[in-house]
Amino acid sequence: MNEKQAEERPGMEDELGALLATLTPRQMQFVIARLVAASDAEAARLVGLHPHTVYCWRNRADVRRAVRLALREALAGAQDDLLEVAERTLEVLREELGCPASRGPPGLARHGR
């Protein structure tokens, strides 16, 4: 995670929490379902709602904002996990290849990496 993401993330979490607190239980279910559904209509069906119901919510803008923030939070978590795995993978490769931690595998410096 870069510095900008680290600074934005607590604010995103706070805003998401505040938004979720204003939603009905069914709307929160929709937000969660929307993380895996390809569309609003699919998410609505997953939680037992008719798609038209979602489009008629008075606070639809808040629900959509909650979906966007939840998606960003999920993506940020996945990025953190991938970076951790990549760092560990590099450590293991360096150990197996006998490379010092400050250098990469042999030959990388010659190729401008």
Protein backbone atom coordinates (compact mmCIF):
# COMPACT_ATOMS: atom_id res chain seq x y z
CA MET A 1 0.00 0.00 0.00
CA ASN A 2 1.44 3.38 -0.92
CA GLU A 3 1.39 6.39 1.41
CA LYS A 4 -1.64 7.97 -0.25
CA GLN A 5 -3.64 4.75 0.08
CA ALA A 6 -2.59 4.41 3.72
CA GLU A 7 -3.80 7.94 4.44
CA GLU A 8 -7.10 7.52 2.55
CA ARG A 9 -7.99 4.08 3.91
CA PRO A 10 -8.96 5.06 7.49
CA GLY A 11 -11.14 7.82 6.05
CA MET A 12 -12.76 5.36 3.65
CA GLU A 13 -13.44 2.92 6.49
CA ASP A 14 -14.98 5.68 8.61
CA GLU A 15 -17.16 6.90 5.75
CA LEU A 16 -18.23 3.36 4.87
CA GLY A 17 -19.11 2.63 8.49
CA ALA A 18 -21.13 5.84 8.75
CA LEU A 19 -22.99 5.06 5.52
CA LEU A 20 -23.72 1.47 6.52
CA ALA A 21 -25.17 2.72 9.81
CA THR A 22 -27.83 4.63 7.84
CA LEU A 23 -28.90 1.67 5.70
CA THR A 24 -31.58 -0.88 6.37
CA PRO A 25 -30.52 -4.49 6.98
CA ARG A 26 -31.73 -5.42 3.48
CA GLN A 27 -29.71 -2.57 1.95
CA MET A 28 -26.61 -3.75 3.83
CA GLN A 29 -27.20 -7.24 2.44
CA PHE A 30 -27.43 -5.70 -1.02
CA VAL A 31 -24.11 -3.85 -0.53
CA ILE A 32 -22.42 -7.11 0.47
CA ALA A 33 -24.00 -9.02 -2.42
CA ARG A 34 -22.91 -6.30 -4.84
CA LEU A 35 -19.28 -7.11 -4.03
CA VAL A 36 -19.64 -10.42 -5.90
CA ALA A 37 -22.51 -9.69 -8.28
CA ALA A 38 -21.93 -8.42 -11.80
CA SER A 39 -24.81 -5.95 -11.63
CA ASP A 40 -27.27 -4.27 -9.30
CA ALA A 41 -30.03 -6.50 -10.65
CA GLU A 42 -28.05 -9.65 -9.89
CA ALA A 43 -27.21 -8.42 -6.37
CA ALA A 44 -30.88 -7.62 -5.78
CA ARG A 45 -31.89 -11.13 -6.79
CA LEU A 46 -29.19 -12.64 -4.58
CA VAL A 47 -30.76 -11.00 -1.50
CA GLY A 48 -34.33 -11.77 -2.54
CA LEU A 49 -35.32 -8.36 -3.90
CA HIS A 50 -36.85 -7.44 -7.21
CA PRO A 51 -34.31 -5.30 -9.11
CA HIS A 52 -36.85 -2.49 -9.43
CA THR A 53 -36.89 -2.17 -5.64
CA VAL A 54 -33.20 -1.22 -5.60
CA TYR A 55 -33.71 1.45 -8.23
CA CYS A 56 -36.54 3.00 -6.20
CA TRP A 57 -34.73 3.38 -2.88
CA ARG A 58 -34.90 6.99 -1.74
CA ASN A 59 -31.35 6.81 -0.42
CA ARG A 60 -30.06 5.09 -3.56
CA ALA A 61 -27.11 7.51 -3.78
CA ASP A 62 -26.00 6.48 -0.27
CA VAL A 63 -26.34 2.79 -1.16
CA ARG A 64 -24.31 3.27 -4.34
CA ARG A 65 -21.64 5.20 -2.41
CA ALA A 66 -21.49 2.38 0.16
CA VAL A 67 -21.04 -0.14 -2.68
CA ARG A 68 -18.20 1.91 -4.19
CA LEU A 69 -16.45 2.28 -0.83
CA ALA A 70 -16.88 -1.40 -0.01
CA LEU A 71 -15.43 -2.34 -3.40
CA ARG A 72 -12.46 -0.02 -2.86
CA GLU A 73 -11.89 -1.45 0.61
CA ALA A 74 -12.03 -5.01 -0.72
CA LEU A 75 -9.62 -4.10 -3.52
CA ALA A 76 -7.22 -2.42 -1.09
CA GLY A 77 -7.25 -5.53 1.09
CA ALA A 78 -6.56 -7.76 -1.91
CA GLN A 79 -3.70 -5.49 -2.99
CA ASP A 80 -2.20 -5.66 0.50
CA ASP A 81 -2.42 -9.45 0.41
CA LEU A 82 -0.79 -9.63 -3.03
CA LEU A 83 2.05 -7.35 -1.96
CA GLU A 84 2.68 -9.51 1.09
CA VAL A 85 2.76 -12.66 -1.04
CA ALA A 86 5.06 -10.99 -3.60
CA GLU A 87 7.47 -9.85 -0.88
CA ARG A 88 7.57 -13.32 0.67
CA THR A 89 8.03 -14.89 -2.77
CA LEU A 90 11.03 -12.65 -3.43
CA GLU A 91 12.51 -13.57 -0.06
CA VAL A 92 12.17 -17.28 -0.81
CA LEU A 93 13.63 -16.88 -4.30
CA ARG A 94 16.58 -14.94 -2.94
CA GLU A 95 17.19 -17.60 -0.29
CA GLU A 96 16.95 -20.42 -2.82
CA LEU A 97 19.19 -18.67 -5.33
CA GLY A 98 21.66 -17.54 -2.69
CA CYS A 99 21.22 -13.85 -3.51
CA PRO A 100 21.75 -11.11 -0.93
CA ALA A 101 18.56 -9.33 0.06
CA SER A 102 19.78 -6.04 -1.43
CA ARG A 103 20.24 -7.54 -4.90
CA GLY A 104 17.88 -9.45 -7.10
CA PRO A 105 18.60 -12.77 -8.79
CA PRO A 106 21.83 -12.85 -10.87
CA GLY A 107 21.60 -11.03 -14.16
CA LEU A 108 18.79 -8.61 -13.29
CA ALA A 109 21.15 -5.66 -12.93
CA ARG A 110 22.46 -6.26 -16.46
CA HIS A 111 18.96 -5.87 -17.88
CA GLY A 112 18.23 -2.56 -16.19
CA ARG A 113 15.92 -3.93 -13.50
